[in-house]
C-alpha cells in the first residue's frame, strides 16, 4: 500500500511545508526569468532604450516559436507518458524519438520561412525606421537557433516524463550562465548590440540542446532514442493536446503587438522601450506564482485521482493563502523598488526613465491579483479540466487585455495602456473566484460524512 513516506504527493501538507515543497520549481522559474532579464539589462545599458524597443517590437514572432515548442512538448509528453503507463516502453521511446525529429524539423522550417519573409514580417509588426536594423538583427539572430529553442523546451518536458525534473533545473542553470557570459562578451566587450543578445541567447539554447541529447543517449532512466516511423496521428494528437499552450503564447504575441502599436501612437519608441522594461520586471515578480503553480499541480492531481475531496479543499485554501501573502509582498516590492528595477535597464533620468517609472506604478496593481488568476488556471489543469483552464487563460490573457487596451486609452490616454493589465486581472479574478467557489462547493458535497465511509 502506498504511503506518504514513499510518495510525497500523498503527504498532508501545512502552509510552510507546502511552500517548501514547491521551492525547486519556484527556483527554476526564478533562474529562467533572471537569465532572460539579464539580456534586457545588457541591452538597456550598452545599447539603449531603442535596443529594448527593437527587441519587444519583434517578439510576437518569437511567441509563435515558443508556442510551437510548448504545444509539441506538453502534448507530446502526455502521449508518451500514456504509453509508458500502459507498459509499452518500446513504443514510448519510438514516439519520443519521432517527436524529437519532428521538433527539429519544425524549427528548421520556421527559421527558413522567417529568413525568407522577414521584411514583410517586420512591416506587419509596425517596426519603425529607427528600429528597423536592430529589429532585423535580433529577429534573425534568434530565429536562426529555432531548432535549439524548440528542443530546449521539449527536453525540459521530457526530463519530467523520465522521472528526473531536477535535470531541467541543472540544464537551466548551465544554459543561463552561458547566456550571461556571452552577453558580456558580445555586448559589453565586442559592442555587437542586439545582435550579440540574440546570439548569446541562441548559444545558451545550443548548450541546452546538447545536454538533452547527451542525457537521453546515455543517462535517461526510461526514454531512449530508437528507430521510429513517421506517424502523422502522433503529431496531430500532440498538437491537439497542447493547443491551449499554443493559444496562450499566441495571446501573448497578440497583446504584445497591441501594446507596441498603441505605445508607438501615444509615446513613440520611448513607450515601447518602457513596456519592455515593465514586462521584464513583471517576469521576475511573477516567477514565484508560476513556480508555485507548477509545484502544487501534481499534488492536486494526485488527491483528485484519489477522490480525497476534503484534502483537496484544504490544499486549495492553503494554496490561496500562500498566493495571497506573496501577492501583497509582490505589490509592495513593485512599489518600493520600481525605481531600482528600472535602473537595472535604463540610466536614471530622461524621458524614457520617467515614462517607465510612472507606467510601472500603475501596472503594479496587477500584482495584487495576477497570482490568483495564474493559480486558478493551473488548478483546473491539475484537475484535468482543460476547458475551464483554457477559458480562464483566454479571459485574462487575450479577451481582457485586448478589451481594455482598445477602450481605456480613449478615456485615460497613455495611463489607460498601463492600466489594461490590472483591469484584465480584475475581470478574470471575478470569474475565477466564482468558479473556484463552485468547485469547492462540489468537493464539499462529495466529502464523506464525519462518521461515514472512506
Protein backbone atom coordinates (compact mmCIF):
# COMPACT_ATOMS: atom_id res chain seq x y z
CA UNK A 1 0.00 0.00 0.00
CA UNK A 2 1.35 3.43 -0.98
CA UNK A 3 2.05 5.77 1.92
CA UNK A 4 3.09 9.37 2.32
CA UNK A 5 6.52 8.18 3.39
CA UNK A 6 7.10 6.76 -0.08
CA UNK A 7 5.12 9.26 -2.12
CA UNK A 8 5.46 12.99 -1.32
CA UNK A 9 2.23 13.66 -3.25
CA UNK A 10 0.30 11.75 -0.58
CA UNK A 11 1.66 13.79 2.35
CA UNK A 12 -0.55 16.03 4.46
CA UNK A 13 0.96 19.47 3.90
CA UNK A 14 0.69 22.55 6.05
CA UNK A 15 1.23 26.15 4.96
CA UNK A 16 5.03 26.18 5.34
CA UNK A 17 5.65 22.58 4.20
CA UNK A 18 3.57 23.17 1.06
CA UNK A 19 5.62 26.25 0.26
CA UNK A 20 8.85 24.34 0.95
CA UNK A 21 7.78 21.51 -1.38
CA UNK A 22 7.30 24.00 -4.23
CA UNK A 23 10.71 25.68 -3.77
CA UNK A 24 12.52 23.70 -6.55
CA UNK A 25 10.09 24.72 -9.33
CA UNK A 26 9.96 28.26 -7.91
CA UNK A 27 13.75 28.31 -8.02
CA UNK A 28 13.78 27.05 -11.60
CA UNK A 29 11.34 29.75 -12.72
CA UNK A 30 13.38 32.44 -10.96
CA UNK A 31 16.58 31.21 -12.66
CA UNK A 32 14.91 31.14 -16.08
CA UNK A 33 13.39 34.60 -15.62
CA UNK A 34 16.66 36.08 -14.34
CA UNK A 35 18.82 35.00 -17.24
CA UNK A 36 16.11 36.18 -19.66
CA UNK A 37 16.01 39.54 -17.90
CA UNK A 38 19.82 39.85 -17.96
CA UNK A 39 19.60 40.11 -21.77
CA UNK A 40 17.49 43.22 -21.27
CA UNK A 41 19.87 44.66 -18.67
CA UNK A 42 22.86 44.39 -21.03
CA UNK A 43 20.90 45.81 -23.96
CA UNK A 44 19.46 48.66 -21.89
CA UNK A 45 22.84 49.76 -20.57
CA UNK A 46 25.08 49.12 -23.59
CA UNK A 47 22.67 49.73 -26.49
CA UNK A 48 19.99 52.00 -25.03
CA UNK A 49 16.22 52.28 -24.94
CA UNK A 50 15.88 51.83 -28.70
CA UNK A 51 17.55 48.44 -28.37
CA UNK A 52 14.93 47.41 -25.81
CA UNK A 53 12.17 48.70 -28.08
CA UNK A 54 13.58 46.75 -31.05
CA UNK A 55 13.53 43.50 -29.04
CA UNK A 56 9.91 43.99 -27.99
CA UNK A 57 8.69 45.01 -31.43
CA UNK A 58 9.74 41.67 -32.98
CA UNK A 59 8.85 39.49 -30.00
CA UNK A 60 5.39 38.40 -31.29
CA UNK A 61 7.20 36.36 -33.97
CA UNK A 62 9.23 34.62 -31.28
CA UNK A 63 5.99 33.90 -29.37
CA UNK A 64 4.96 31.72 -32.32
CA UNK A 65 8.21 29.75 -31.98
CA UNK A 66 7.71 29.33 -28.22
CA UNK A 67 4.08 28.35 -28.77
CA UNK A 68 5.00 25.60 -31.23
CA UNK A 69 7.64 24.31 -28.81
CA UNK A 70 5.34 24.26 -25.78
CA UNK A 71 2.49 22.73 -27.80
CA UNK A 72 4.70 19.90 -29.05
CA UNK A 73 6.38 19.27 -25.69
CA UNK A 74 3.29 19.34 -23.46
CA UNK A 75 1.03 17.48 -25.90
CA UNK A 76 3.74 15.01 -26.90
CA UNK A 77 4.86 14.22 -23.36
CA UNK A 78 1.25 13.35 -22.47
CA UNK A 79 1.12 10.81 -25.31
CA UNK A 80 4.49 9.33 -24.41
CA UNK A 81 3.62 9.15 -20.71
CA UNK A 82 0.36 7.38 -21.62
CA UNK A 83 2.32 4.71 -23.50
CA UNK A 84 4.66 4.39 -20.51
CA UNK A 85 1.69 3.98 -18.19
CA UNK A 86 0.40 1.20 -20.42
CA UNK A 87 3.74 -0.56 -20.06
CA UNK A 88 4.66 -0.10 -23.73
CA UNK A 89 8.14 1.32 -23.17
CA UNK A 90 9.35 0.48 -26.67
CA UNK A 91 6.53 2.46 -28.29
CA UNK A 92 7.05 5.32 -25.80
CA UNK A 93 10.70 5.65 -26.85
CA UNK A 94 9.76 5.42 -30.54
CA UNK A 95 7.24 8.23 -30.15
CA UNK A 96 9.71 10.29 -28.15
CA UNK A 97 12.34 9.90 -30.90
CA UNK A 98 9.84 10.73 -33.64
CA UNK A 99 8.69 13.87 -31.82
CA UNK A 100 12.32 14.90 -31.27
CA UNK A 101 12.98 14.72 -35.02
CA UNK A 102 9.65 16.46 -35.72
CA UNK A 103 10.57 19.30 -33.35
CA UNK A 104 13.94 19.85 -35.01
CA UNK A 105 12.28 19.77 -38.44
CA UNK A 106 9.63 22.29 -37.40
CA UNK A 107 12.38 24.57 -36.10
CA UNK A 108 14.30 24.40 -39.38
CA UNK A 109 11.13 25.06 -41.39
CA UNK A 110 10.15 28.02 -39.20
CA UNK A 111 13.63 29.53 -39.40
CA UNK A 112 13.62 29.20 -43.20
CA UNK A 113 10.23 30.89 -43.52
CA UNK A 114 11.24 33.82 -41.31
CA UNK A 115 14.51 34.33 -43.21
CA UNK A 116 12.55 34.39 -46.48
CA UNK A 117 9.82 36.76 -45.29
CA UNK A 118 11.42 38.81 -42.50
CA UNK A 119 10.86 42.15 -44.25
CA UNK A 120 7.05 41.82 -44.56
CA UNK A 121 7.00 40.41 -41.00
CA UNK A 122 8.81 43.48 -39.67
CA UNK A 123 6.48 45.80 -41.58
CA UNK A 124 3.41 43.96 -40.25
CA UNK A 125 4.73 44.33 -36.68
CA UNK A 126 4.95 48.09 -37.16
CA UNK A 127 8.75 48.32 -36.98
CA UNK A 128 9.73 51.95 -37.43
CA UNK A 129 12.68 53.15 -39.49
CA UNK A 130 14.58 53.93 -36.29
CA UNK A 131 14.17 50.34 -35.04
CA UNK A 132 14.44 48.53 -38.39
CA UNK A 133 18.11 47.50 -38.37
CA UNK A 134 18.16 46.43 -34.73
CA UNK A 135 14.84 44.62 -35.09
CA UNK A 136 16.23 42.73 -38.09
CA UNK A 137 19.39 41.79 -36.20
CA UNK A 138 17.54 40.50 -33.16
CA UNK A 139 14.85 38.61 -35.07
CA UNK A 140 17.22 36.81 -37.43
CA UNK A 141 19.83 36.02 -34.78
CA UNK A 142 17.17 34.47 -32.53
CA UNK A 143 15.26 32.61 -35.23
CA UNK A 144 18.48 31.08 -36.60
CA UNK A 145 18.53 28.95 -33.44
CA UNK A 146 14.83 27.94 -33.66
CA UNK A 147 15.55 24.16 -33.66
CA UNK A 148 17.64 24.59 -30.47
CA UNK A 149 14.98 26.72 -28.77
CA UNK A 150 12.26 24.19 -29.55
CA UNK A 151 14.40 21.31 -28.30
CA UNK A 152 15.34 23.15 -25.11
CA UNK A 153 11.65 23.48 -24.19
CA UNK A 154 10.90 19.98 -25.49
CA UNK A 155 13.58 18.24 -23.42
CA UNK A 156 12.54 20.11 -20.25
CA UNK A 157 9.11 18.44 -20.51
CA UNK A 158 10.61 15.01 -21.10
CA UNK A 159 13.03 15.19 -18.18
CA UNK A 160 9.88 15.17 -16.03
CA UNK A 161 8.40 12.27 -18.01
CA UNK A 162 11.67 10.41 -17.46
CA UNK A 163 11.34 10.91 -13.69
CA UNK A 164 14.13 13.49 -13.28
CA UNK A 165 12.68 17.03 -13.14
CA UNK A 166 15.83 18.22 -11.34
CA UNK A 167 17.72 17.63 -14.60
CA UNK A 168 15.81 20.53 -16.15
CA UNK A 169 16.85 22.79 -13.26
CA UNK A 170 20.54 21.95 -13.75
CA UNK A 171 20.33 22.46 -17.52
CA UNK A 172 18.58 25.80 -16.97
CA UNK A 173 21.45 26.95 -14.74
CA UNK A 174 24.09 25.85 -17.28
CA UNK A 175 22.18 27.50 -20.12
CA UNK A 176 21.67 30.68 -18.10
CA UNK A 177 25.34 31.01 -17.19
CA UNK A 178 26.23 30.55 -20.86
CA UNK A 179 23.79 33.29 -21.80
CA UNK A 180 25.21 35.75 -19.26
CA UNK A 181 28.83 35.05 -20.25
CA UNK A 182 28.16 35.58 -23.95
CA UNK A 183 26.01 38.65 -23.24
CA UNK A 184 29.04 40.17 -21.53
CA UNK A 185 31.43 39.17 -24.34
CA UNK A 186 29.23 40.10 -27.29
CA UNK A 187 27.51 43.23 -25.93
CA UNK A 188 29.79 44.73 -23.29
CA UNK A 189 33.16 43.82 -24.81
CA UNK A 190 32.61 43.49 -28.56
CA UNK A 191 29.81 46.06 -28.90
CA UNK A 192 27.61 43.82 -31.05
CA UNK A 193 24.38 45.32 -29.69
CA UNK A 194 21.10 43.41 -30.01
CA UNK A 195 22.75 41.05 -32.50
CA UNK A 196 25.00 39.97 -29.64
CA UNK A 197 22.00 39.50 -27.36
CA UNK A 198 20.31 37.23 -29.90
CA UNK A 199 23.49 35.21 -30.46
CA UNK A 200 24.08 34.84 -26.71
CA UNK A 201 20.56 33.53 -26.20
CA UNK A 202 20.92 31.19 -29.18
CA UNK A 203 24.21 29.74 -27.91
CA UNK A 204 22.68 29.13 -24.49
CA UNK A 205 19.95 27.13 -26.25
CA UNK A 206 22.64 25.13 -28.07
CA UNK A 207 24.00 24.14 -24.65
CA UNK A 208 20.51 23.02 -23.59
CA UNK A 209 20.08 21.03 -26.82
CA UNK A 210 23.42 19.24 -26.45
CA UNK A 211 22.75 18.50 -22.78
CA UNK A 212 19.37 17.00 -23.68
CA UNK A 213 20.74 14.82 -26.48
CA UNK A 214 23.58 13.62 -24.24
CA UNK A 215 21.19 12.86 -21.38
CA UNK A 216 18.74 10.81 -23.44
CA UNK A 217 21.54 8.96 -25.20
CA UNK A 218 23.43 7.90 -22.09
CA UNK A 219 21.72 8.69 -18.77
CA UNK A 220 17.93 8.56 -19.11
CA UNK A 221 16.01 6.12 -16.93
CA UNK A 222 13.06 5.28 -19.15
CA UNK A 223 13.21 7.01 -22.54
CA UNK A 224 15.84 6.35 -25.18
CA UNK A 225 16.39 7.21 -28.82
CA UNK A 226 15.18 4.35 -31.03
CA UNK A 227 14.32 3.64 -34.65
CA UNK A 228 10.97 5.23 -35.47
CA UNK A 229 8.45 5.57 -38.23
CA UNK A 230 6.54 8.64 -39.34
CA UNK A 231 3.21 8.81 -37.51
CA UNK A 232 1.05 11.72 -38.58
CA UNK A 233 -1.55 10.80 -35.95
CA UNK A 234 1.01 11.18 -33.15
CA UNK A 235 1.98 14.62 -34.41
CA UNK A 236 -1.65 15.71 -34.76
CA UNK A 237 -2.64 14.38 -31.33
CA UNK A 238 0.37 16.09 -29.75
CA UNK A 239 -0.68 19.37 -31.37
CA UNK A 240 -4.27 18.89 -30.19
CA UNK A 241 -3.26 18.03 -26.61
CA UNK A 242 -1.01 21.07 -26.40
CA UNK A 243 -3.25 23.50 -28.24
CA UNK A 244 -4.18 25.52 -25.13
CA UNK A 245 -0.48 26.27 -24.52
CA UNK A 246 -0.17 27.43 -28.12
CA UNK A 247 -3.18 29.70 -27.61
CA UNK A 248 -1.52 31.19 -24.52
CA UNK A 249 1.64 32.05 -26.45
CA UNK A 250 -0.31 33.43 -29.41
CA UNK A 251 -2.32 35.54 -26.96
CA UNK A 252 0.94 36.92 -25.58
CA UNK A 253 2.04 37.73 -29.13
CA UNK A 254 -1.24 39.49 -29.93
CA UNK A 255 -1.22 41.57 -26.75
CA UNK A 256 2.46 42.49 -27.18
CA UNK A 257 1.67 43.61 -30.72
CA UNK A 258 -1.22 45.77 -29.48
CA UNK A 259 0.90 47.25 -26.69
CA UNK A 260 3.56 48.18 -29.23
CA UNK A 261 1.11 49.73 -31.71
CA UNK A 262 -0.63 51.82 -29.07
CA UNK A 263 2.58 52.92 -27.38
CA UNK A 264 4.08 53.95 -30.71
CA UNK A 265 0.97 56.09 -31.20
CA UNK A 266 0.94 57.63 -27.71
CA UNK A 267 4.65 57.81 -26.83
CA UNK A 268 6.71 56.67 -29.81
CA UNK A 269 9.72 54.36 -29.46
CA UNK A 270 10.13 55.56 -25.86
CA UNK A 271 6.80 53.97 -24.93
CA UNK A 272 7.81 50.63 -26.46
CA UNK A 273 11.08 50.71 -24.50
CA UNK A 274 9.10 51.44 -21.32
CA UNK A 275 6.74 48.48 -21.71
CA UNK A 276 9.74 46.24 -22.42
CA UNK A 277 11.29 47.19 -19.07
CA UNK A 278 7.97 46.73 -17.26
CA UNK A 279 7.41 43.28 -18.80
CA UNK A 280 10.92 42.19 -17.84
CA UNK A 281 10.22 43.29 -14.25
CA UNK A 282 6.86 41.51 -14.32
CA UNK A 283 8.68 38.32 -15.32
CA UNK A 284 10.84 38.49 -12.19
CA UNK A 285 7.94 39.21 -9.83
CA UNK A 286 5.66 36.56 -11.38
CA UNK A 287 8.29 33.80 -11.17
CA UNK A 288 7.02 32.78 -7.71
CA UNK A 289 3.42 32.40 -8.89
CA UNK A 290 4.38 30.35 -11.93
CA UNK A 291 6.75 28.11 -9.97
CA UNK A 292 4.26 27.61 -7.14
CA UNK A 293 1.55 26.63 -9.63
CA UNK A 294 3.84 24.09 -11.29
CA UNK A 295 4.85 22.69 -7.91
CA UNK A 296 1.40 22.17 -6.39
CA UNK A 297 -0.29 20.87 -9.58
CA UNK A 298 0.87 17.23 -9.14
CA UNK A 299 -0.36 17.22 -5.53
CA UNK A 300 -3.82 18.37 -6.63
CA UNK A 301 -3.82 15.81 -9.44
CA UNK A 302 -2.90 13.01 -7.03
CA UNK A 303 -5.55 13.91 -4.46
CA UNK A 304 -8.15 14.36 -7.21
CA UNK A 305 -7.32 10.91 -8.57
CA UNK A 306 -7.65 9.51 -5.04
CA UNK A 307 -11.05 11.27 -4.73
CA UNK A 308 -9.83 12.83 -1.48
CA UNK A 309 -12.05 15.89 -1.73
CA UNK A 310 -11.66 17.03 1.88
CA UNK A 311 -7.88 17.21 1.43
CA UNK A 312 -8.33 18.93 -1.94
CA UNK A 313 -10.37 21.71 -0.34
CA UNK A 314 -7.82 22.10 2.45
CA UNK A 315 -4.94 22.29 -0.08
CA UNK A 316 -6.90 24.83 -2.10
CA UNK A 317 -7.23 27.05 0.98
CA UNK A 318 -3.52 26.69 1.82
CA UNK A 319 -2.50 27.49 -1.74
CA UNK A 320 -4.67 30.59 -1.92
CA UNK A 321 -3.22 31.74 1.42
CA UNK A 322 0.33 31.36 0.07
CA UNK A 323 -0.63 33.15 -3.15
CA UNK A 324 -2.35 35.95 -1.20
CA UNK A 325 0.62 36.55 1.06
CA UNK A 326 3.07 36.70 -1.80
CA UNK A 327 0.72 38.91 -3.84
CA UNK A 328 0.93 41.53 -1.11
CA UNK A 329 4.73 41.18 -1.00
CA UNK A 330 4.99 41.48 -4.80
CA UNK A 331 2.83 44.59 -4.88
CA UNK A 332 4.88 46.15 -2.09
CA UNK A 333 8.16 45.24 -3.82
CA UNK A 334 6.96 46.64 -7.14
CA UNK A 335 6.12 49.97 -5.49
CA UNK A 336 9.18 50.18 -3.24
CA UNK A 337 11.67 49.10 -5.89
CA UNK A 338 10.18 50.39 -9.13
CA UNK A 339 12.97 52.95 -9.45
CA UNK A 340 15.83 50.48 -8.75
CA UNK A 341 14.19 47.91 -11.06
CA UNK A 342 14.00 50.50 -13.83
CA UNK A 343 17.62 51.47 -13.19
CA UNK A 344 18.63 47.87 -13.94
CA UNK A 345 17.71 48.52 -17.57
CA UNK A 346 17.92 52.28 -18.06
CA UNK A 347 20.19 55.04 -16.78
CA UNK A 348 18.40 57.33 -14.32
CA UNK A 349 16.92 60.48 -15.73
CA UNK A 350 15.49 61.23 -19.13
CA UNK A 351 12.02 60.91 -20.57
CA UNK A 352 12.09 57.14 -21.13
CA UNK A 353 13.06 56.57 -17.50
CA UNK A 354 10.24 58.81 -16.24
CA UNK A 355 7.64 57.18 -18.50
CA UNK A 356 8.72 53.73 -17.29
CA UNK A 357 8.61 54.57 -13.57
CA UNK A 358 5.16 56.17 -13.89
CA UNK A 359 3.83 53.30 -16.01
CA UNK A 360 5.24 50.74 -13.58
CA UNK A 361 3.39 52.39 -10.68
CA UNK A 362 0.04 51.87 -12.43
CA UNK A 363 0.90 48.45 -13.89
CA UNK A 364 1.94 47.21 -10.41
CA UNK A 365 -1.69 46.93 -9.26
CA UNK A 366 -1.88 43.72 -11.29
CA UNK A 367 0.50 42.03 -8.81
CA UNK A 368 -2.27 42.08 -6.19
CA UNK A 369 -4.40 39.82 -8.39
CA UNK A 370 -2.43 38.09 -11.14
CA UNK A 371 -1.11 35.33 -8.86
CA UNK A 372 -4.64 34.13 -8.12
CA UNK A 373 -5.51 34.15 -11.80
CA UNK A 374 -2.42 32.14 -12.74
CA UNK A 375 -3.13 29.68 -9.92
CA UNK A 376 -6.78 29.20 -10.92
CA UNK A 377 -5.79 28.22 -14.46
CA UNK A 378 -3.14 25.79 -13.14
CA UNK A 379 -5.61 24.35 -10.62
CA UNK A 380 -8.12 23.33 -13.31
CA UNK A 381 -5.34 21.90 -15.46
CA UNK A 382 -4.35 19.75 -12.47
CA UNK A 383 -7.96 18.52 -12.21
CA UNK A 384 -7.85 17.54 -15.92
CA UNK A 385 -10.39 20.27 -16.70
CA UNK A 386 -8.55 21.72 -19.68
CA UNK A 387 -11.60 23.62 -20.96
CA UNK A 388 -12.00 25.67 -17.78
CA UNK A 389 -8.26 26.26 -17.58
CA UNK A 390 -8.12 27.43 -21.20
CA UNK A 391 -11.20 29.63 -20.67
CA UNK A 392 -9.63 31.40 -17.68
CA UNK A 393 -6.36 31.87 -19.54
CA UNK A 394 -8.19 33.24 -22.59
CA UNK A 395 -10.34 35.54 -20.46
CA UNK A 396 -7.34 37.23 -18.88
CA UNK A 397 -4.54 36.93 -21.44
CA UNK A 398 -6.43 37.70 -24.62
CA UNK A 399 -10.01 38.89 -24.20
CA UNK A 400 -9.47 41.04 -21.11
CA UNK A 401 -6.19 42.69 -22.09
CA UNK A 402 -7.32 43.33 -25.67
CA UNK A 403 -10.67 44.71 -24.49
CA UNK A 404 -9.08 47.18 -22.09
CA UNK A 405 -6.24 48.12 -24.45
CA UNK A 406 -8.85 49.11 -27.01
CA UNK A 407 -11.02 51.08 -24.55
CA UNK A 408 -9.05 52.53 -21.61
CA UNK A 409 -6.58 54.65 -23.65
CA UNK A 410 -9.53 56.50 -25.19
CA UNK A 411 -10.53 57.63 -21.71
CA UNK A 412 -7.21 57.91 -19.84
CA UNK A 413 -4.70 58.32 -22.66
CA UNK A 414 -1.28 56.76 -22.01
CA UNK A 415 -2.28 55.84 -18.45
CA UNK A 416 -5.03 53.63 -19.90
CA UNK A 417 -2.39 51.44 -21.55
CA UNK A 418 -0.63 50.82 -18.23
CA UNK A 419 -3.98 50.06 -16.54
CA UNK A 420 -5.11 47.49 -19.15
CA UNK A 421 -3.42 44.51 -17.46
CA UNK A 422 -4.69 45.33 -13.91
CA UNK A 423 -8.20 45.79 -15.36
CA UNK A 424 -7.98 42.43 -17.16
CA UNK A 425 -6.89 40.81 -13.89
CA UNK A 426 -9.90 42.28 -12.07
CA UNK A 427 -12.22 40.89 -14.75
CA UNK A 428 -10.59 37.45 -14.63
CA UNK A 429 -10.46 37.15 -10.83
CA UNK A 430 -14.19 37.78 -10.57
CA UNK A 431 -14.93 34.86 -12.87
CA UNK A 432 -12.14 32.71 -11.44
CA UNK A 433 -13.28 33.22 -7.84
CA UNK A 434 -16.83 32.24 -8.76
CA UNK A 435 -15.61 29.06 -10.45
CA UNK A 436 -13.34 28.14 -7.54
CA UNK A 437 -16.18 28.74 -5.07
CA UNK A 438 -18.47 26.48 -7.10
CA UNK A 439 -15.78 23.78 -7.40
CA UNK A 440 -15.07 23.90 -3.65
CA UNK A 441 -18.80 23.50 -3.01
CA UNK A 442 -18.93 20.43 -5.23
CA UNK A 443 -15.94 18.98 -3.40
CA UNK A 444 -17.65 19.55 -0.06
CA UNK A 445 -20.79 17.79 -1.24
CA UNK A 446 -18.66 14.81 -2.30
CA UNK A 447 -16.85 14.56 1.04
CA UNK A 448 -17.72 11.58 3.23
CA UNK A 449 -19.86 12.21 6.29
CA UNK A 450 -17.88 12.82 9.52
CA UNK A 451 -18.53 9.25 10.66
CA UNK A 452 -19.08 7.85 7.18
CA UNK A 453 -17.04 5.73 4.85
CA UNK A 454 -13.57 6.26 3.39
